[in-house]
């Protein structure tokens, strides 16, 4: 269950990171890699924290 939350959080973080990049007016491969990777890592960590808060992990 924790892995599912981490994966979903990483995907959401990736999308939010790229959306933030686009809203700031940045473009290109390097900013996309930085914003995408940062968003995925933060989203994955957030997903794990949400899963741990639920108390139903196995």
N, C-alpha and C. Protein backbone atom coordinates (compact mmCIF):
# COMPACT_ATOMS: atom_id res chain seq x y z
N UNK A 1 0.83 -1.19 0.00
CA UNK A 1 0.00 0.00 0.00
C UNK A 1 0.88 1.26 0.00
N UNK A 2 1.97 1.21 0.76
CA UNK A 2 2.86 2.37 0.83
C UNK A 2 3.48 2.65 -0.54
N UNK A 3 3.81 1.58 -1.28
CA UNK A 3 4.39 1.77 -2.61
C UNK A 3 3.40 2.43 -3.56
N UNK A 4 2.13 2.10 -3.42
CA UNK A 4 1.11 2.72 -4.27
C UNK A 4 1.01 4.21 -3.99
N UNK A 5 0.99 4.57 -2.72
CA UNK A 5 0.93 5.99 -2.35
C UNK A 5 2.17 6.73 -2.85
N UNK A 6 3.34 6.08 -2.75
CA UNK A 6 4.57 6.71 -3.21
C UNK A 6 4.54 6.92 -4.73
N UNK A 7 4.05 5.93 -5.47
CA UNK A 7 3.99 6.05 -6.93
C UNK A 7 3.01 7.13 -7.37
N UNK A 8 1.84 7.13 -6.76
CA UNK A 8 0.84 8.14 -7.11
C UNK A 8 1.34 9.53 -6.73
N UNK A 9 1.97 9.65 -5.57
CA UNK A 9 2.53 10.93 -5.16
C UNK A 9 3.62 11.41 -6.10
N UNK A 10 4.45 10.48 -6.58
CA UNK A 10 5.53 10.85 -7.51
C UNK A 10 4.96 11.34 -8.84
N UNK A 11 3.92 10.70 -9.32
CA UNK A 11 3.32 11.12 -10.59
C UNK A 11 2.67 12.50 -10.43
N UNK A 12 1.96 12.69 -9.34
CA UNK A 12 1.33 13.99 -9.09
C UNK A 12 2.40 15.07 -8.93
N UNK A 13 3.47 14.75 -8.20
CA UNK A 13 4.57 15.70 -8.03
C UNK A 13 5.24 16.05 -9.34
N UNK A 14 5.41 15.06 -10.21
CA UNK A 14 5.99 15.31 -11.52
C UNK A 14 5.14 16.28 -12.32
N UNK A 15 3.84 16.05 -12.34
CA UNK A 15 2.94 16.92 -13.08
C UNK A 15 2.94 18.33 -12.48
N UNK A 16 2.90 18.43 -11.15
CA UNK A 16 2.91 19.74 -10.51
C UNK A 16 4.23 20.47 -10.75
N UNK A 17 5.35 19.74 -10.72
CA UNK A 17 6.64 20.36 -10.99
C UNK A 17 6.73 20.92 -12.40
N UNK A 18 6.25 20.15 -13.37
CA UNK A 18 6.28 20.63 -14.75
C UNK A 18 5.29 21.78 -14.96
N UNK A 19 4.15 21.74 -14.27
CA UNK A 19 3.19 22.84 -14.36
C UNK A 19 3.78 24.12 -13.77
N UNK A 20 4.49 23.99 -12.65
CA UNK A 20 5.14 25.14 -12.04
C UNK A 20 6.19 25.72 -12.99
N UNK A 21 6.96 24.87 -13.63
CA UNK A 21 7.96 25.32 -14.60
C UNK A 21 7.29 26.11 -15.73
N UNK A 22 6.19 25.57 -16.23
CA UNK A 22 5.49 26.23 -17.33
C UNK A 22 4.91 27.57 -16.89
N UNK A 23 4.37 27.62 -15.66
CA UNK A 23 3.78 28.88 -15.16
C UNK A 23 4.85 29.94 -14.93
N UNK A 24 6.06 29.53 -14.59
CA UNK A 24 7.14 30.49 -14.40
C UNK A 24 7.75 30.94 -15.72
N UNK A 25 7.33 30.33 -16.81
CA UNK A 25 7.80 30.73 -18.13
C UNK A 25 9.13 30.11 -18.52
N UNK A 26 9.53 29.07 -17.83
CA UNK A 26 10.78 28.39 -18.17
C UNK A 26 10.51 27.30 -19.18
N UNK A 27 11.51 26.96 -19.94
CA UNK A 27 11.38 25.89 -20.92
C UNK A 27 12.73 25.25 -21.16
N UNK A 28 12.71 24.10 -21.77
CA UNK A 28 13.95 23.41 -22.09
C UNK A 28 14.10 22.11 -21.34
N UNK A 29 15.13 21.39 -21.73
CA UNK A 29 15.34 20.05 -21.18
C UNK A 29 15.88 20.10 -19.74
N UNK A 30 16.83 20.99 -19.47
CA UNK A 30 17.43 21.04 -18.14
C UNK A 30 16.42 21.50 -17.08
N UNK A 31 15.69 22.61 -17.30
CA UNK A 31 14.68 22.98 -16.29
C UNK A 31 13.60 21.91 -16.12
N UNK A 32 13.22 21.24 -17.21
CA UNK A 32 12.21 20.18 -17.10
C UNK A 32 12.74 19.04 -16.24
N UNK A 33 14.01 18.71 -16.40
CA UNK A 33 14.59 17.64 -15.59
C UNK A 33 14.65 18.04 -14.12
N UNK A 34 15.03 19.29 -13.85
CA UNK A 34 15.14 19.75 -12.47
C UNK A 34 13.77 19.82 -11.80
N UNK A 35 12.82 20.48 -12.46
CA UNK A 35 11.49 20.63 -11.88
C UNK A 35 10.78 19.27 -11.80
N UNK A 36 10.92 18.45 -12.83
CA UNK A 36 10.26 17.15 -12.83
C UNK A 36 10.81 16.22 -11.77
N UNK A 37 12.14 16.15 -11.68
CA UNK A 37 12.75 15.27 -10.67
C UNK A 37 12.45 15.77 -9.26
N UNK A 38 12.54 17.07 -9.07
CA UNK A 38 12.23 17.62 -7.74
C UNK A 38 10.80 17.36 -7.34
N UNK A 39 9.89 17.55 -8.28
CA UNK A 39 8.48 17.29 -7.99
C UNK A 39 8.21 15.83 -7.71
N UNK A 40 8.87 14.95 -8.46
CA UNK A 40 8.66 13.51 -8.25
C UNK A 40 9.18 13.07 -6.88
N UNK A 41 10.34 13.58 -6.48
CA UNK A 41 10.90 13.20 -5.19
C UNK A 41 10.02 13.72 -4.05
N UNK A 42 9.64 14.99 -4.12
CA UNK A 42 8.80 15.57 -3.07
C UNK A 42 7.44 14.89 -3.04
N UNK A 43 6.88 14.60 -4.21
CA UNK A 43 5.59 13.90 -4.25
C UNK A 43 5.67 12.49 -3.69
N UNK A 44 6.75 11.78 -3.98
CA UNK A 44 6.93 10.44 -3.43
C UNK A 44 7.06 10.46 -1.93
N UNK A 45 7.82 11.42 -1.42
CA UNK A 45 7.97 11.53 0.04
C UNK A 45 6.64 11.89 0.69
N UNK A 46 5.89 12.76 0.06
CA UNK A 46 4.58 13.14 0.61
C UNK A 46 3.63 11.95 0.59
N UNK A 47 3.67 11.17 -0.48
CA UNK A 47 2.83 9.98 -0.55
C UNK A 47 3.14 8.98 0.55
N UNK A 48 4.43 8.81 0.85
CA UNK A 48 4.80 7.91 1.94
C UNK A 48 4.29 8.42 3.28
N UNK A 49 4.38 9.72 3.49
CA UNK A 49 3.90 10.28 4.76
C UNK A 49 2.40 10.11 4.90
N UNK A 50 1.68 10.30 3.79
CA UNK A 50 0.22 10.11 3.83
C UNK A 50 -0.10 8.65 4.13
N UNK A 51 0.64 7.72 3.52
CA UNK A 51 0.40 6.30 3.77
C UNK A 51 0.69 5.95 5.21
N UNK A 52 1.76 6.51 5.77
CA UNK A 52 2.10 6.22 7.16
C UNK A 52 1.07 6.80 8.12
N UNK A 53 0.49 7.90 7.75
CA UNK A 53 -0.52 8.54 8.61
C UNK A 53 -1.78 7.69 8.69
N UNK A 54 -2.08 6.95 7.63
CA UNK A 54 -3.29 6.13 7.61
C UNK A 54 -3.22 4.94 8.55
N UNK A 55 -2.04 4.41 8.81
CA UNK A 55 -1.89 3.30 9.73
C UNK A 55 -2.32 1.96 9.17
N UNK A 56 -2.52 1.86 7.86
CA UNK A 56 -2.98 0.61 7.27
C UNK A 56 -1.90 -0.03 6.40
N UNK A 57 -0.66 0.34 6.55
CA UNK A 57 0.40 -0.23 5.73
C UNK A 57 0.72 -1.64 6.20
N UNK A 58 1.14 -2.48 5.25
CA UNK A 58 1.47 -3.87 5.57
C UNK A 58 2.94 -4.11 5.35
